[in-house]
């Protein structure tokens, strides 16, 4: 069996690590394709180096997030390789381009993180999720809620609940990160003494929204460590004195930073989950989230771009006394491989 794996951004590189190992262990040939959606070395190459990911056979190096530009080159690779499956992750334009290219070539698609919905159709990611799930032959869900959503939508593909491959990566790499990373020492940070912040989504890097979020960070009165995506950095205005903007971090440094923060402020879906697994309370600068369980348990608070709500949520942030396991047990990659092998 041959599987062509399409990745394009930071979370997808991380998720692909456990899956690559599981595919190799099962004797399944993997052909990696990197679309180049994230092309900055600090958002791309560093993850291959740090996590020991196999070098992708195809690097498109398109330096764009435009699905229309990606699709023909992905289709050409699929036509050349003729895989049994095209495997896509999450909700990015790379995910959608890979799905549409595979459909053009008549190759079935398996979608990791199928069935997630925020309910916010103003987000391009929500449109990507719906379109990819409608086209996928195999829908690999992180939880039962996702399965129920897909069943309600009447999708045509086979639905399997496998857990979250990001949990596999988190459980595997977080202890290594805390041991190997020197980030806290370099920045003279004590565990539990700072706020970690990441803002990168398209809606939030519009100057007026970003300014409101940064205003809220500035009013927390706490030390805020803010690794900034290149497009975020380009949209930043005045930076409050308590907010320290860093260049993008490698996975191990980022895991060390987030796992030892007092609280995380983010708009990242992946980091909302990681914070829960780390036991770090989360404040989400979005009006909605696809990871509703974290909000329902009180481990995550939605504040949109309201600086007053952000300040109050950061001040009150605590993990709930009861923290049931969510989104997987660290063995999702093995279940994904078993589902692919079952046809």
Protein backbone atom coordinates (compact mmCIF):
# COMPACT_ATOMS: atom_id res chain seq x y z
CA UNK A 1 0.00 0.00 0.00
CA UNK A 2 1.11 3.55 -0.75
CA UNK A 3 -0.15 6.71 0.99
CA UNK A 4 0.54 10.24 -0.25
CA UNK A 5 0.51 12.68 2.68
CA UNK A 6 -0.19 16.37 2.02
CA UNK A 7 1.09 18.90 4.57
CA UNK A 8 1.58 22.64 4.36
CA UNK A 9 1.69 24.35 7.76
CA UNK A 10 3.14 24.07 11.24
CA UNK A 11 0.37 21.99 12.91
CA UNK A 12 0.31 19.59 9.97
CA UNK A 13 4.06 18.96 10.20
CA UNK A 14 3.63 18.08 13.88
CA UNK A 15 0.61 15.82 13.30
CA UNK A 16 2.39 14.01 10.48
CA UNK A 17 5.23 12.89 12.79
CA UNK A 18 3.39 10.14 14.71
CA UNK A 19 1.59 9.08 11.52
CA UNK A 20 4.81 8.72 9.55
CA UNK A 21 6.19 6.49 12.30
CA UNK A 22 3.01 4.39 12.41
CA UNK A 23 2.91 4.00 8.61
CA UNK A 24 6.56 2.87 8.57
CA UNK A 25 5.92 0.41 11.41
CA UNK A 26 3.05 -1.09 9.42
CA UNK A 27 5.21 -1.45 6.29
CA UNK A 28 3.15 1.11 4.33
CA UNK A 29 5.00 3.31 1.86
CA UNK A 30 4.51 7.01 2.54
CA UNK A 31 5.10 9.71 -0.07
CA UNK A 32 5.31 13.13 1.57
CA UNK A 33 4.26 16.31 -0.19
CA UNK A 34 4.93 19.76 1.33
CA UNK A 35 2.85 22.41 -0.43
CA UNK A 36 4.90 25.35 0.80
CA UNK A 37 1.92 27.09 2.44
CA UNK A 38 4.30 27.78 5.34
CA UNK A 39 7.68 28.36 3.72
CA UNK A 40 9.55 30.44 6.31
CA UNK A 41 12.31 28.15 7.69
CA UNK A 42 11.18 28.89 11.26
CA UNK A 43 7.67 27.66 10.40
CA UNK A 44 8.73 24.77 8.17
CA UNK A 45 12.24 23.32 8.05
CA UNK A 46 12.79 23.59 11.79
CA UNK A 47 10.00 21.06 12.41
CA UNK A 48 11.54 18.51 10.07
CA UNK A 49 14.88 18.98 11.82
CA UNK A 50 13.59 18.93 15.40
CA UNK A 51 11.05 16.13 15.08
CA UNK A 52 13.08 13.92 12.76
CA UNK A 53 10.35 13.87 10.12
CA UNK A 54 11.14 12.06 6.88
CA UNK A 55 12.08 14.46 4.10
CA UNK A 56 9.07 14.94 1.76
CA UNK A 57 9.52 13.54 -1.73
CA UNK A 58 7.78 16.63 -3.13
CA UNK A 59 8.46 20.20 -2.00
CA UNK A 60 6.34 22.51 -4.12
CA UNK A 61 7.90 25.68 -2.67
CA UNK A 62 4.98 27.73 -3.97
CA UNK A 63 5.25 30.30 -1.17
CA UNK A 64 1.49 30.83 -1.20
CA UNK A 65 -1.67 29.85 0.63
CA UNK A 66 -3.66 29.93 -2.62
CA UNK A 67 -5.38 26.57 -3.13
CA UNK A 68 -5.80 27.27 -6.85
CA UNK A 69 -2.02 27.53 -7.24
CA UNK A 70 -1.39 24.34 -5.26
CA UNK A 71 -3.93 22.07 -6.89
CA UNK A 72 -2.28 21.39 -10.30
CA UNK A 73 1.09 20.48 -8.80
CA UNK A 74 -0.46 18.23 -6.17
CA UNK A 75 -2.50 16.55 -8.91
CA UNK A 76 0.66 16.01 -10.96
CA UNK A 77 2.36 14.28 -8.00
CA UNK A 78 -0.70 12.10 -7.40
CA UNK A 79 -0.83 11.15 -11.07
CA UNK A 80 2.87 10.21 -10.96
CA UNK A 81 2.68 8.19 -7.73
CA UNK A 82 -0.80 6.62 -8.04
CA UNK A 83 -1.21 6.14 -4.25
CA UNK A 84 -3.94 4.04 -2.69
CA UNK A 85 -4.86 6.97 -0.45
CA UNK A 86 -4.27 10.70 -0.26
CA UNK A 87 -4.06 11.70 3.41
CA UNK A 88 -4.91 15.29 4.42
CA UNK A 89 -4.96 17.02 7.80
CA UNK A 90 -7.12 19.70 9.37
CA UNK A 91 -8.65 22.69 7.65
CA UNK A 92 -6.08 24.68 5.69
CA UNK A 93 -6.00 25.61 2.01
CA UNK A 94 -3.40 22.83 1.59
CA UNK A 95 -6.00 20.39 2.97
CA UNK A 96 -8.60 21.52 0.47
CA UNK A 97 -6.19 21.64 -2.47
CA UNK A 98 -4.97 18.11 -1.70
CA UNK A 99 -8.54 16.85 -1.49
CA UNK A 100 -9.59 18.45 -4.77
CA UNK A 101 -6.44 17.28 -6.57
CA UNK A 102 -7.00 13.71 -5.38
CA UNK A 103 -10.61 13.87 -6.52
CA UNK A 104 -9.48 14.99 -9.97
CA UNK A 105 -7.14 11.98 -10.15
CA UNK A 106 -9.69 9.50 -8.79
CA UNK A 107 -7.72 8.71 -5.62
CA UNK A 108 -9.70 8.37 -2.34
CA UNK A 109 -9.06 10.92 0.40
CA UNK A 110 -8.66 10.20 4.11
CA UNK A 111 -9.23 13.28 6.28
CA UNK A 112 -7.57 13.49 9.70
CA UNK A 113 -9.59 15.76 12.08
CA UNK A 114 -12.85 15.20 10.22
CA UNK A 115 -16.11 16.52 11.61
CA UNK A 116 -14.82 19.57 13.46
CA UNK A 117 -17.11 22.59 13.26
CA UNK A 118 -16.91 26.00 14.89
CA UNK A 119 -20.26 27.14 13.43
CA UNK A 120 -18.59 30.33 12.17
CA UNK A 121 -18.97 30.54 8.39
CA UNK A 122 -17.00 33.78 8.29
CA UNK A 123 -13.88 31.63 8.76
CA UNK A 124 -12.32 30.22 5.57
CA UNK A 125 -11.26 27.20 7.65
CA UNK A 126 -14.91 26.31 8.30
CA UNK A 127 -15.64 26.24 4.57
CA UNK A 128 -12.56 24.06 4.04
CA UNK A 129 -13.71 21.59 6.72
CA UNK A 130 -17.16 21.22 5.20
CA UNK A 131 -15.87 20.84 1.63
CA UNK A 132 -13.16 18.32 2.54
CA UNK A 133 -15.52 16.18 4.65
CA UNK A 134 -18.09 16.14 1.85
CA UNK A 135 -15.47 14.76 -0.54
CA UNK A 136 -13.50 12.37 1.72
CA UNK A 137 -13.87 8.60 1.46
CA UNK A 138 -12.54 8.04 4.99
CA UNK A 139 -13.34 10.51 7.78
CA UNK A 140 -11.04 10.15 10.79
CA UNK A 141 -12.68 11.89 13.75
CA UNK A 142 -11.06 12.96 17.01
CA UNK A 143 -14.20 12.34 19.10
CA UNK A 144 -17.83 11.25 19.14
CA UNK A 145 -19.09 14.82 18.79
CA UNK A 146 -17.37 15.00 15.40
CA UNK A 147 -18.91 11.69 14.32
CA UNK A 148 -22.38 12.96 15.22
CA UNK A 149 -21.82 16.16 13.23
CA UNK A 150 -20.83 14.17 10.14
CA UNK A 151 -23.77 11.81 10.50
CA UNK A 152 -26.06 14.84 10.76
CA UNK A 153 -24.57 16.26 7.55
CA UNK A 154 -25.10 12.96 5.74
CA UNK A 155 -21.54 12.63 4.41
CA UNK A 156 -20.89 9.75 2.06
CA UNK A 157 -17.55 8.52 3.43
CA UNK A 158 -16.77 5.94 6.10
CA UNK A 159 -16.58 7.52 9.57
CA UNK A 160 -14.09 6.29 12.19
CA UNK A 161 -13.37 7.77 15.63
CA UNK A 162 -9.62 7.43 16.11
CA UNK A 163 -8.68 10.17 18.59
CA UNK A 164 -6.40 13.11 17.88
CA UNK A 165 -2.95 12.59 16.35
CA UNK A 166 -1.88 15.89 17.94
CA UNK A 167 -2.27 14.15 21.31
CA UNK A 168 0.18 11.50 20.10
CA UNK A 169 2.71 14.23 19.28
CA UNK A 170 2.05 16.16 22.48
CA UNK A 171 2.46 13.19 24.80
CA UNK A 172 5.58 12.10 22.93
CA UNK A 173 7.37 15.42 22.55
CA UNK A 174 6.35 17.64 25.53
CA UNK A 175 8.63 15.96 28.09
CA UNK A 176 11.51 16.12 25.57
CA UNK A 177 10.76 19.80 24.97
CA UNK A 178 10.91 20.73 28.64
CA UNK A 179 14.18 18.85 29.00
CA UNK A 180 15.93 20.12 25.86
CA UNK A 181 14.60 23.64 25.34
CA UNK A 182 16.63 26.51 26.77
CA UNK A 183 13.97 29.12 25.98
CA UNK A 184 12.87 29.81 29.56
CA UNK A 185 16.45 30.18 30.73
CA UNK A 186 17.35 32.46 27.81
CA UNK A 187 14.44 34.79 28.57
CA UNK A 188 14.73 34.51 32.36
CA UNK A 189 11.27 33.00 32.75
CA UNK A 190 10.06 30.99 35.73
CA UNK A 191 7.43 28.29 35.09
CA UNK A 192 3.95 29.60 35.89
CA UNK A 193 5.07 33.24 35.97
CA UNK A 194 4.06 34.47 32.50
CA UNK A 195 1.36 34.53 29.83
CA UNK A 196 2.11 32.85 26.49
CA UNK A 197 0.33 34.37 23.47
CA UNK A 198 -0.05 33.39 19.81
CA UNK A 199 -2.25 35.19 17.27
CA UNK A 200 -2.12 34.30 13.58
CA UNK A 201 -5.57 33.72 12.04
CA UNK A 202 -6.50 35.81 9.04
CA UNK A 203 -9.34 37.61 10.81
CA UNK A 204 -7.16 38.50 13.79
CA UNK A 205 -4.24 40.00 11.88
CA UNK A 206 -6.43 42.76 10.50
CA UNK A 207 -4.90 45.82 12.17
CA UNK A 208 -8.00 46.94 14.09
CA UNK A 209 -8.69 43.50 15.61
CA UNK A 210 -5.04 42.82 16.33
CA UNK A 211 -4.71 46.20 18.05
CA UNK A 212 -7.62 45.35 20.38
CA UNK A 213 -6.15 41.97 21.27
CA UNK A 214 -2.71 43.46 21.91
CA UNK A 215 -4.33 46.21 23.99
CA UNK A 216 -5.86 43.50 26.16
CA UNK A 217 -2.52 41.73 26.52
CA UNK A 218 -0.94 45.02 27.56
CA UNK A 219 -3.57 45.60 30.24
CA UNK A 220 -3.10 42.21 31.92
CA UNK A 221 -0.22 43.62 33.95
CA UNK A 222 1.64 40.34 33.46
CA UNK A 223 4.68 39.47 31.45
CA UNK A 224 3.46 38.28 28.04
CA UNK A 225 5.66 36.21 25.69
CA UNK A 226 4.34 36.52 22.14
CA UNK A 227 6.01 34.46 19.36
CA UNK A 228 4.68 36.14 16.22
CA UNK A 229 3.90 34.56 12.86
CA UNK A 230 5.43 36.70 10.06
CA UNK A 231 2.07 38.09 8.92
CA UNK A 232 1.19 38.93 12.53
CA UNK A 233 4.45 40.78 13.04
CA UNK A 234 3.83 42.75 9.85
CA UNK A 235 0.44 43.95 11.17
CA UNK A 236 1.53 44.87 14.69
CA UNK A 237 1.35 48.49 15.74
CA UNK A 238 2.49 49.80 19.12
CA UNK A 239 3.64 47.08 21.51
CA UNK A 240 2.89 47.51 25.23
CA UNK A 241 5.99 47.34 27.45
CA UNK A 242 4.92 44.08 29.14
CA UNK A 243 4.54 42.26 25.79
CA UNK A 244 7.70 40.68 24.38
CA UNK A 245 7.41 39.81 20.69
CA UNK A 246 9.63 36.90 19.62
CA UNK A 247 10.37 35.37 16.23
CA UNK A 248 8.45 32.15 15.47
CA UNK A 249 9.59 29.24 17.63
CA UNK A 250 10.42 25.69 16.76
CA UNK A 251 8.08 23.02 18.07
CA UNK A 252 10.19 22.05 21.08
CA UNK A 253 10.64 25.66 22.23
CA UNK A 254 6.94 26.35 21.69
CA UNK A 255 5.93 23.26 23.64
CA UNK A 256 8.26 24.26 26.47
CA UNK A 257 6.84 27.80 26.49
CA UNK A 258 3.14 26.86 26.44
CA UNK A 259 3.36 23.87 28.79
CA UNK A 260 4.96 25.99 31.53
CA UNK A 261 2.87 29.17 31.14
CA UNK A 262 0.38 30.37 33.75
CA UNK A 263 -2.16 30.90 30.99
CA UNK A 264 -2.24 30.78 27.18
CA UNK A 265 -3.93 33.43 25.00
CA UNK A 266 -4.35 32.13 21.44
CA UNK A 267 -6.47 31.82 18.33
CA UNK A 268 -4.92 28.47 17.40
CA UNK A 269 -7.14 25.42 17.42
CA UNK A 270 -4.22 23.08 18.03
CA UNK A 271 -2.85 25.07 20.95
CA UNK A 272 -6.26 25.13 22.65
CA UNK A 273 -6.04 21.34 22.85
CA UNK A 274 -2.37 21.28 23.78
CA UNK A 275 -3.00 23.71 26.65
CA UNK A 276 -5.67 21.34 27.99
CA UNK A 277 -3.33 18.37 27.81
CA UNK A 278 -0.61 20.40 29.56
CA UNK A 279 -2.98 21.53 32.31
CA UNK A 280 -2.64 25.22 31.30
CA UNK A 281 -5.83 27.35 31.21
CA UNK A 282 -6.60 28.93 27.85
CA UNK A 283 -8.14 32.22 26.70
CA UNK A 284 -9.19 32.12 23.05
CA UNK A 285 -9.30 35.32 20.98
CA UNK A 286 -12.09 34.08 18.71
CA UNK A 287 -15.89 34.25 18.87
CA UNK A 288 -16.18 30.47 18.48
CA UNK A 289 -14.16 27.29 18.63
CA UNK A 290 -14.31 23.81 17.16
CA UNK A 291 -12.97 22.44 20.50
CA UNK A 292 -16.16 23.11 22.48
CA UNK A 293 -15.45 20.56 25.22
CA UNK A 294 -12.61 22.66 26.61
CA UNK A 295 -14.99 25.62 26.96
CA UNK A 296 -17.77 23.55 28.50
CA UNK A 297 -15.34 22.25 31.14
CA UNK A 298 -14.15 25.76 32.02
CA UNK A 299 -10.59 25.18 30.83
CA UNK A 300 -10.98 27.62 27.93
CA UNK A 301 -12.78 30.99 27.65
CA UNK A 302 -13.83 32.69 24.40
CA UNK A 303 -13.22 36.46 24.43
CA UNK A 304 -13.21 37.35 20.71
CA UNK A 305 -11.23 40.61 20.33
CA UNK A 306 -12.71 42.34 23.40
CA UNK A 307 -9.81 43.69 25.49
CA UNK A 308 -11.94 43.96 28.67
CA UNK A 309 -13.03 40.32 28.43
CA UNK A 310 -9.46 39.26 27.65
CA UNK A 311 -8.08 41.03 30.74
CA UNK A 312 -10.78 39.54 32.99
CA UNK A 313 -10.35 36.03 31.57
CA UNK A 314 -6.57 36.06 31.99
CA UNK A 315 -6.92 37.26 35.59
CA UNK A 316 -9.47 34.54 36.42
CA UNK A 317 -7.92 31.72 34.41
CA UNK A 318 -7.75 28.43 36.32
CA UNK A 319 -7.91 24.81 35.27
CA UNK A 320 -11.00 22.98 36.54
CA UNK A 321 -10.57 20.56 39.43
CA UNK A 322 -11.96 17.76 37.26
CA UNK A 323 -10.02 17.34 34.01
CA UNK A 324 -11.35 14.30 32.12
CA UNK A 325 -9.32 12.99 29.18
CA UNK A 326 -10.27 14.63 25.89
CA UNK A 327 -9.43 13.92 22.24
CA UNK A 328 -7.35 10.80 22.51
CA UNK A 329 -4.97 8.60 24.42
CA UNK A 330 -1.78 8.90 22.37
CA UNK A 331 -2.57 6.01 20.00
CA UNK A 332 -4.56 7.79 17.29
CA UNK A 333 -1.88 7.29 14.62
CA UNK A 334 -2.07 3.51 15.01
CA UNK A 335 -5.85 3.64 14.56
CA UNK A 336 -5.52 5.84 11.48
CA UNK A 337 -3.16 3.31 9.91
CA UNK A 338 -5.52 0.43 10.76
CA UNK A 339 -8.40 2.33 9.12
CA UNK A 340 -6.35 2.97 5.97
CA UNK A 341 -5.30 -0.69 5.80
CA UNK A 342 -8.93 -1.82 6.15
CA UNK A 343 -9.66 -0.03 2.86
